[in-house]
C-alpha atoms as a PDB file:
ATOM      1  CA  MET A   1      -0.259   0.477  -0.534  1.00  0.00           C
ATOM      2  CA  ARG A   2       3.290   2.453   0.780  1.00  0.00           C
ATOM      3  CA  TYR A   3       4.566   1.961  -2.676  1.00  0.00           C
ATOM      4  CA  VAL A   4       0.976   2.254  -4.249  1.00  0.00           C
ATOM      5  CA  ASN A   5       0.306   5.505  -1.957  1.00  0.00           C
ATOM      6  CA  ASN A   6       4.143   7.269  -3.375  1.00  0.00           C
ATOM      7  CA  ALA A   7       3.159   6.100  -6.917  1.00  0.00           C
ATOM      8  CA  LEU A   8      -0.430   8.120  -6.758  1.00  0.00           C
ATOM      9  CA  ALA A   9       1.400  10.870  -4.711  1.00  0.00           C
ATOM     10  CA  ALA A  10       3.932  11.250  -7.613  1.00  0.00           C
ATOM     11  CA  LEU A  11       0.726  11.417 -10.421  1.00  0.00           C
ATOM     12  CA  ASP A  12      -1.035  13.999  -8.473  1.00  0.00           C
ATOM     13  CA  ASP A  13       2.833  16.330  -8.091  1.00  0.00           C
ATOM     14  CA  PHE A  14       2.518  15.666 -12.147  1.00  0.00           C
ATOM     15  CA  HIS A  15      -0.450  16.353 -12.442  1.00  0.00           C
ATOM     16  CA  VAL A  16      -0.096  19.871 -10.577  1.00  0.00           C
ATOM     17  CA  ARG A  17       2.678  20.418 -11.947  1.00  0.00           C
ATOM     18  CA  LEU A  18       0.620  20.532 -15.345  1.00  0.00           C
ATOM     19  CA  GLY A  19      -1.425  23.257 -13.926  1.00  0.00           C
ATOM     20  CA  MET A  20      -4.261  20.885 -13.606  1.00  0.00           C
ATOM     21  CA  GLY A  21      -5.143  20.494  -9.967  1.00  0.00           C
ATOM     22  CA  LYS A  22      -4.987  17.223  -8.260  1.00  0.00           C
ATOM     23  CA  ALA A  23      -5.207  14.175  -9.482  1.00  0.00           C
ATOM     24  CA  ASP A  24      -8.005  13.043  -6.711  1.00  0.00           C
ATOM     25  CA  VAL A  25      -7.043   9.562  -6.096  1.00  0.00           C
ATOM     26  CA  GLY A  26      -8.402   7.716  -2.966  1.00  0.00           C
ATOM     27  CA  ARG A  27      -5.696   6.303  -1.417  1.00  0.00           C
ATOM     28  CA  ASP A  28      -5.748   2.816   1.324  1.00  0.00           C
ATOM     29  CA  ASP A  29      -4.616   3.561   4.441  1.00  0.00           C
ATOM     30  CA  ILE A  30      -1.468   2.303   5.702  1.00  0.00           C
ATOM     31  CA  PRO A  31      -1.998  -0.656   8.116  1.00  0.00           C
ATOM     32  CA  LYS A  32      -1.300   0.592  11.615  1.00  0.00           C
ATOM     33  CA  THR A  33       0.223  -3.138  12.769  1.00  0.00           C
ATOM     34  CA  ALA A  34       3.780  -3.829  12.466  1.00  0.00           C
ATOM     35  CA  PRO A  35       4.873  -6.379   9.447  1.00  0.00           C
ATOM     36  CA  LYS A  36       4.287  -9.409  10.388  1.00  0.00           C
ATOM     37  CA  ALA A  37       7.036 -11.771  11.807  1.00  0.00           C
ATOM     38  CA  MET A  38       7.865 -15.114  13.493  1.00  0.00           C
ATOM     39  CA  ASP A  39       7.023 -15.209  16.652  1.00  0.00           C
ATOM     40  CA  PRO A  40       9.441 -17.027  19.050  1.00  0.00           C
ATOM     41  CA  ASN A  41       8.520 -20.093  18.816  1.00  0.00           C
ATOM     42  CA  ALA A  42       8.500 -19.979  14.708  1.00  0.00           C
ATOM     43  CA  GLN A  43      11.517 -18.646  15.104  1.00  0.00           C
ATOM     44  CA  ILE A  44      13.075 -22.164  16.729  1.00  0.00           C
ATOM     45  CA  ARG A  45      10.784 -23.910  14.485  1.00  0.00           C
ATOM     46  CA  TRP A  46      12.001 -22.453  11.582  1.00  0.00           C
ATOM     47  CA  LEU A  47      16.070 -22.640  12.625  1.00  0.00           C
ATOM     48  CA  ARG A  48      15.629 -26.462  13.251  1.00  0.00           C
ATOM     49  CA  ALA A  49      14.312 -27.066   9.942  1.00  0.00           C
ATOM     50  CA  ILE A  50      17.140 -25.695   8.280  1.00  0.00           C
ATOM     51  CA  GLU A  51      19.259 -27.312  10.245  1.00  0.00           C
ATOM     52  CA  ASP A  52      18.212 -30.369   9.375  1.00  0.00           C
ATOM     53  CA  TRP A  53      17.612 -29.549   5.658  1.00  0.00           C
ATOM     54  CA  PRO A  54      19.812 -31.888   3.512  1.00  0.00           C
ATOM     55  CA  HIS A  55      21.332 -29.311   1.075  1.00  0.00           C
ATOM     56  CA  ALA A  56      23.598 -26.933   1.834  1.00  0.00           C
ATOM     57  CA  ARG A  57      22.802 -24.534  -0.770  1.00  0.00           C
ATOM     58  CA  ASP A  58      18.762 -24.370   0.708  1.00  0.00           C
ATOM     59  CA  ARG A  59      20.431 -23.561   3.844  1.00  0.00           C
ATOM     60  CA  ALA A  60      23.009 -20.804   3.301  1.00  0.00           C
ATOM     61  CA  LEU A  61      19.869 -19.114   1.271  1.00  0.00           C
ATOM     62  CA  ALA A  62      17.213 -19.344   3.783  1.00  0.00           C
ATOM     63  CA  LEU A  63      19.265 -18.333   6.632  1.00  0.00           C
ATOM     64  CA  LEU A  64      20.075 -15.122   4.873  1.00  0.00           C
ATOM     65  CA  PRO A  65      17.165 -12.968   5.352  1.00  0.00           C
ATOM     66  CA  PHE A  66      16.778 -14.080   9.213  1.00  0.00           C
ATOM     67  CA  TYR A  67      20.188 -12.967  10.021  1.00  0.00           C
ATOM     68  CA  ALA A  68      20.898 -10.644   6.921  1.00  0.00           C
ATOM     69  CA  GLY A  69      18.173  -8.890   6.745  1.00  0.00           C
ATOM     70  CA  LEU A  70      18.661  -9.806   2.444  1.00  0.00           C
ATOM     71  CA  ARG A  71      15.739  -9.350   0.135  1.00  0.00           C
ATOM     72  CA  ILE A  72      15.056 -12.406  -1.853  1.00  0.00           C
ATOM     73  CA  GLY A  73      16.562 -10.591  -4.659  1.00  0.00           C
ATOM     74  CA  ASP A  74      19.288  -8.860  -2.791  1.00  0.00           C
ATOM     75  CA  ALA A  75      20.129 -13.106  -2.150  1.00  0.00           C
ATOM     76  CA  VAL A  76      20.000 -14.499  -5.569  1.00  0.00           C
ATOM     77  CA  ALA A  77      22.384 -11.640  -6.904  1.00  0.00           C
ATOM     78  CA  LEU A  78      25.279 -12.382  -4.430  1.00  0.00           C
ATOM     79  CA  ASP A  79      28.894 -13.220  -5.884  1.00  0.00           C
ATOM     80  CA  VAL A  80      30.520 -15.407  -4.274  1.00  0.00           C
ATOM     81  CA  ALA A  81      33.119 -12.642  -4.493  1.00  0.00           C
ATOM     82  CA  GLY A  82      30.638 -11.276  -2.076  1.00  0.00           C
ATOM     83  CA  VAL A  83      31.215 -13.119   0.700  1.00  0.00           C
ATOM     84  CA  ARG A  84      34.515 -11.996   2.745  1.00  0.00           C
ATOM     85  CA  MET A  85      35.304 -13.323   5.631  1.00  0.00           C
ATOM     86  CA  SER A  86      38.308 -13.907   8.091  1.00  0.00           C
ATOM     87  CA  ALA A  87      39.217 -16.498  10.751  1.00  0.00           C
ATOM     88  CA  ARG A  88      36.759 -14.007  13.597  1.00  0.00           C
ATOM     89  CA  LYS A  89      34.922 -11.262  11.283  1.00  0.00           C
ATOM     90  CA  GLY A  90      33.460 -10.716   7.730  1.00  0.00           C
ATOM     91  CA  HIS A  91      30.769  -9.102   5.337  1.00  0.00           C
ATOM     92  CA  LEU A  92      28.679  -9.590   2.371  1.00  0.00           C
ATOM     93  CA  VAL A  93      28.437  -6.969  -0.849  1.00  0.00           C
ATOM     94  CA  VAL A  94      24.890  -6.751  -1.212  1.00  0.00           C
ATOM     95  CA  PHE A  95      23.813  -4.931  -4.423  1.00  0.00           C
ATOM     96  CA  GLY A  96      20.168  -3.779  -3.556  1.00  0.00           C
ATOM     97  CA  LYS A  97      17.341  -1.864  -5.020  1.00  0.00           C
ATOM     98  CA  GLY A  98      18.384   1.051  -7.327  1.00  0.00           C
ATOM     99  CA  GLY A  99      21.867  -0.700  -8.121  1.00  0.00           C
ATOM    100  CA  LYS A 100      22.970   0.276  -4.161  1.00  0.00           C
ATOM    101  CA  VAL A 101      25.976  -0.812  -2.586  1.00  0.00           C
ATOM    102  CA  ARG A 102      25.558  -1.873   1.123  1.00  0.00           C
ATOM    103  CA  GLU A 103      28.149  -4.496   3.352  1.00  0.00           C
ATOM    104  CA  VAL A 104      25.769  -6.848   5.208  1.00  0.00           C
ATOM    105  CA  PRO A 105      27.839  -8.231   8.443  1.00  0.00           C
ATOM    106  CA  ILE A 106      28.087 -11.580   8.317  1.00  0.00           C
ATOM    107  CA  HIS A 107      26.361 -13.295  11.937  1.00  0.00           C
ATOM    108  CA  PRO A 108      28.093 -15.610  13.292  1.00  0.00           C
ATOM    109  CA  ALA A 109      25.340 -18.246  13.068  1.00  0.00           C
ATOM    110  CA  LEU A 110      25.928 -17.807   9.236  1.00  0.00           C
ATOM    111  CA  ARG A 111      29.204 -18.968   9.270  1.00  0.00           C
ATOM    112  CA  GLY A 112      29.103 -22.266   8.638  1.00  0.00           C
ATOM    113  CA  PRO A 113      26.306 -22.497   6.368  1.00  0.00           C
ATOM    114  CA  LEU A 114      27.691 -20.743   4.239  1.00  0.00           C
ATOM    115  CA  THR A 115      31.511 -22.200   4.457  1.00  0.00           C
ATOM    116  CA  ASP A 116      29.345 -25.095   3.580  1.00  0.00           C
ATOM    117  CA  TRP A 117      28.219 -24.589   0.709  1.00  0.00           C
ATOM    118  CA  LEU A 118      31.290 -22.572  -0.095  1.00  0.00           C
ATOM    119  CA  ASP A 119      33.113 -25.611   0.049  1.00  0.00           C
ATOM    120  CA  GLU A 120      30.355 -27.562  -1.777  1.00  0.00           C
ATOM    121  CA  ARG A 121      30.024 -25.160  -4.880  1.00  0.00           C
ATOM    122  CA  PRO A 122      33.245 -25.885  -6.346  1.00  0.00           C
ATOM    123  CA  THR A 123      31.204 -29.564  -7.743  1.00  0.00           C
ATOM    124  CA  TRP A 124      28.390 -27.961  -9.220  1.00  0.00           C
ATOM    125  CA  PRO A 125      28.042 -27.655 -12.495  1.00  0.00           C
ATOM    126  CA  GLY A 126      28.639 -24.040 -13.946  1.00  0.00           C
ATOM    127  CA  ALA A 127      31.242 -23.438 -11.109  1.00  0.00           C
ATOM    128  CA  THR A 128      33.987 -22.551 -12.908  1.00  0.00           C
ATOM    129  CA  VAL A 129      33.011 -19.959 -15.004  1.00  0.00           C
ATOM    130  CA  GLU A 130      29.547 -18.740 -13.234  1.00  0.00           C
ATOM    131  CA  LYS A 131      30.049 -16.030 -10.546  1.00  0.00           C
ATOM    132  CA  ALA A 132      27.149 -16.011  -8.656  1.00  0.00           C
ATOM    133  CA  LEU A 133      26.898 -17.758  -5.372  1.00  0.00           C
ATOM    134  CA  PHE A 134      23.995 -19.355  -5.697  1.00  0.00           C
ATOM    135  CA  LEU A 135      23.706 -21.706  -8.909  1.00  0.00           C
ATOM    136  CA  ASN A 136      21.282 -24.015  -9.812  1.00  0.00           C
ATOM    137  CA  ARG A 137      21.336 -27.409 -11.311  1.00  0.00           C
ATOM    138  CA  ARG A 138      21.782 -26.426 -14.761  1.00  0.00           C
ATOM    139  CA  GLY A 139      25.107 -24.107 -13.773  1.00  0.00           C
ATOM    140  CA  GLY A 140      23.390 -21.097 -13.304  1.00  0.00           C
ATOM    141  CA  ARG A 141      22.334 -18.258 -11.215  1.00  0.00           C
ATOM    142  CA  LEU A 142      19.952 -19.185  -8.832  1.00  0.00           C
ATOM    143  CA  THR A 143      16.354 -16.770 -10.037  1.00  0.00           C
ATOM    144  CA  THR A 144      13.949 -15.481  -7.834  1.00  0.00           C
ATOM    145  CA  ARG A 145      11.463 -17.831  -8.085  1.00  0.00           C
ATOM    146  CA  GLY A 146      13.168 -20.778  -7.661  1.00  0.00           C
ATOM    147  CA  ALA A 147      14.678 -19.150  -4.433  1.00  0.00           C
ATOM    148  CA  SER A 148      10.922 -18.854  -3.578  1.00  0.00           C
ATOM    149  CA  ASP A 149      10.152 -22.526  -3.177  1.00  0.00           C
ATOM    150  CA  VAL A 150      13.696 -23.031  -0.887  1.00  0.00           C
ATOM    151  CA  PHE A 151      11.704 -21.010   1.587  1.00  0.00           C
ATOM    152  CA  THR A 152       8.285 -22.858   0.487  1.00  0.00           C
ATOM    153  CA  ALA A 153       9.521 -26.372   0.682  1.00  0.00           C
ATOM    154  CA  ILE A 154      11.425 -25.453   4.354  1.00  0.00           C
ATOM    155  CA  GLY A 155       8.114 -23.631   5.749  1.00  0.00           C
ATOM    156  CA  GLU A 156       6.456 -26.968   4.854  1.00  0.00           C
ATOM    157  CA  ALA A 157       8.872 -29.067   7.045  1.00  0.00           C
ATOM    158  CA  ALA A 158       8.907 -26.930   9.158  1.00  0.00           C
ATOM    159  CA  GLY A 159       5.070 -27.025  10.112  1.00  0.00           C
ATOM    160  CA  LEU A 160       4.439 -23.076  10.196  1.00  0.00           C
ATOM    161  CA  ASP A 161       0.340 -21.619   9.860  1.00  0.00           C
ATOM    162  CA  GLU A 162       1.710 -19.051   7.387  1.00  0.00           C
ATOM    163  CA  ALA A 163       3.901 -19.170   4.305  1.00  0.00           C
ATOM    164  CA  THR A 164       7.069 -19.062   5.298  1.00  0.00           C
ATOM    165  CA  ASN A 165       8.993 -16.528   2.284  1.00  0.00           C
ATOM    166  CA  ALA A 166      12.140 -14.482   2.402  1.00  0.00           C
ATOM    167  CA  HIS A 167      10.068 -11.536   3.527  1.00  0.00           C
ATOM    168  CA  LEU A 168       8.906 -12.833   6.896  1.00  0.00           C
ATOM    169  CA  GLY A 169      12.582 -13.707   7.222  1.00  0.00           C
ATOM    170  CA  ARG A 170      13.807  -9.928   6.509  1.00  0.00           C
ATOM    171  CA  HIS A 171      10.769  -8.591   8.737  1.00  0.00           C
ATOM    172  CA  THR A 172      11.612 -10.434  11.336  1.00  0.00           C
ATOM    173  CA  PHE A 173      14.976  -9.889  11.044  1.00  0.00           C
ATOM    174  CA  VAL A 174      13.871  -6.047  11.223  1.00  0.00           C
ATOM    175  CA  THR A 175      11.804  -6.043  14.362  1.00  0.00           C
ATOM    176  CA  GLU A 176      14.488  -8.161  16.493  1.00  0.00           C
ATOM    177  CA  LEU A 177      17.098  -5.496  15.539  1.00  0.00           C
ATOM    178  CA  ILE A 178      14.234  -2.266  16.488  1.00  0.00           C
ATOM    179  CA  ARG A 179      12.787  -3.871  19.250  1.00  0.00           C
ATOM    180  CA  SER A 180      15.506  -5.079  21.168  1.00  0.00           C
ATOM    181  CA  GLY A 181      16.675  -0.897  20.911  1.00  0.00           C
ATOM    182  CA  GLU A 182      19.273  -1.025  17.970  1.00  0.00           C
ATOM    183  CA  ASP A 183      19.413   2.743  16.136  1.00  0.00           C
ATOM    184  CA  LEU A 184      16.820   3.178  12.978  1.00  0.00           C
ATOM    185  CA  VAL A 185      19.629   4.310  11.866  1.00  0.00           C
ATOM    186  CA  THR A 186      21.540   1.889  11.861  1.00  0.00           C
ATOM    187  CA  VAL A 187      19.343  -0.758  10.773  1.00  0.00           C
ATOM    188  CA  ALA A 188      18.122   1.595   8.262  1.00  0.00           C
ATOM    189  CA  GLU A 189      22.118   1.176   6.694  1.00  0.00           C
ATOM    190  CA  VAL A 190      22.146  -3.390   7.848  1.00  0.00           C
ATOM    191  CA  ALA A 191      18.183  -3.549   5.922  1.00  0.00           C
ATOM    192  CA  GLY A 192      18.797  -1.254   2.711  1.00  0.00           C
ATOM    193  CA  HIS A 193      16.227   1.171   3.682  1.00  0.00           C
ATOM    194  CA  SER A 194      16.852   4.099   1.857  1.00  0.00           C
ATOM    195  CA  ARG A 195      13.774   6.593   4.396  1.00  0.00           C
ATOM    196  CA  LEU A 196      13.597   5.807   8.283  1.00  0.00           C
ATOM    197  CA  ASP A 197       9.875   6.102   7.885  1.00  0.00           C
ATOM    198  CA  THR A 198       9.369   2.650   6.649  1.00  0.00           C
ATOM    199  CA  LEU A 199      10.882   1.217   9.664  1.00  0.00           C
ATOM    200  CA  ARG A 200       8.759   3.514  11.943  1.00  0.00           C
ATOM    201  CA  ILE A 201       6.243   1.213  10.943  1.00  0.00           C
ATOM    202  CA  TYR A 202       8.541  -1.906  12.824  1.00  0.00           C
ATOM    203  CA  SER A 203       7.714  -0.484  15.931  1.00  0.00           C
ATOM    204  CA  GLN A 204       3.866  -0.041  15.675  1.00  0.00           C
ATOM    205  CA  PRO A 205       1.950  -2.988  17.461  1.00  0.00           C
ATOM    206  CA  THR A 206       1.968  -6.925  16.104  1.00  0.00           C
ATOM    207  CA  GLU A 207      -1.243  -8.672  16.406  1.00  0.00           C
ATOM    208  CA  THR A 208       0.267 -10.439  19.644  1.00  0.00           C
ATOM    209  CA  ASP A 209       0.966  -7.105  21.201  1.00  0.00           C
ATOM    210  CA  LYS A 210      -2.510  -6.334  20.937  1.00  0.00           C
ATOM    211  CA  HIS A 211      -3.719  -9.712  22.945  1.00  0.00           C
ATOM    212  CA  ASN A 212      -1.017  -9.512  25.094  1.00  0.00           C
ATOM    213  CA  ALA A 213      -2.225  -6.262  26.296  1.00  0.00           C
ATOM    214  CA  LEU A 214      -5.290  -7.842  27.575  1.00  0.00           C
ATOM    215  CA  ARG A 215      -3.630 -10.381  30.390  1.00  0.00           C
ATOM    216  CA  HIS A 216      -3.715  -7.074  32.269  1.00  0.00           C
ATOM    217  CA  LEU A 217      -7.209  -6.781  32.716  1.00  0.00           C
ATOM    218  CA  THR A 218      -8.714  -7.933  36.237  1.00  0.00           C
ATOM    219  CA  VAL A 219     -11.090 -10.942  35.832  1.00  0.00           C
ATOM    220  CA  ASP A 220     -13.313 -12.309  38.344  1.00  0.00           C
ATOM    221  CA  ARG A 221     -12.855 -16.350  38.775  1.00  0.00           C
END
């Protein structure tokens, strides 16, 4: 809805510049609830399903939104050269929306899965000629659709109620950072948000928050 409303605002501005007045197109109200994120129980089930998943490529891919806040497009756009790890530290060189490049720290929980995949990757078709980090079975770069199928399959294995995708993992990443008190500017930099206003919605209450708020009411037992 935000993207639609922003586009309509641009149309309004265009009409005004032409001397036609505003386009006067109705807007949908932006939700007053934070984006859907995994609750603690769902997070554990998701991580355990990834840990049990037999394919190294898929394990590394599935953890990127959760531990690095990557969009699915960011993940499949990663190159091998963009994974930079030393003995103790590391970062990902991420090419995000609009061609913007950012560096995202590699969480300790990502090091093992990434290393496992980098060790296996040379045995895949196209590994010597394709610079993409994530390959498909034909030796080309993994597509967003192929990556989405991975998230869906692991989500089903985890037995989660809702459809699990990269957006859910990314929303969880951002929500956890903001609710832990991290500075919005830092979170925006790591998550690749160009506007702080986009992040402020994550500080709004979730449906779970609203339900939990009722626990303070007195009940006559």
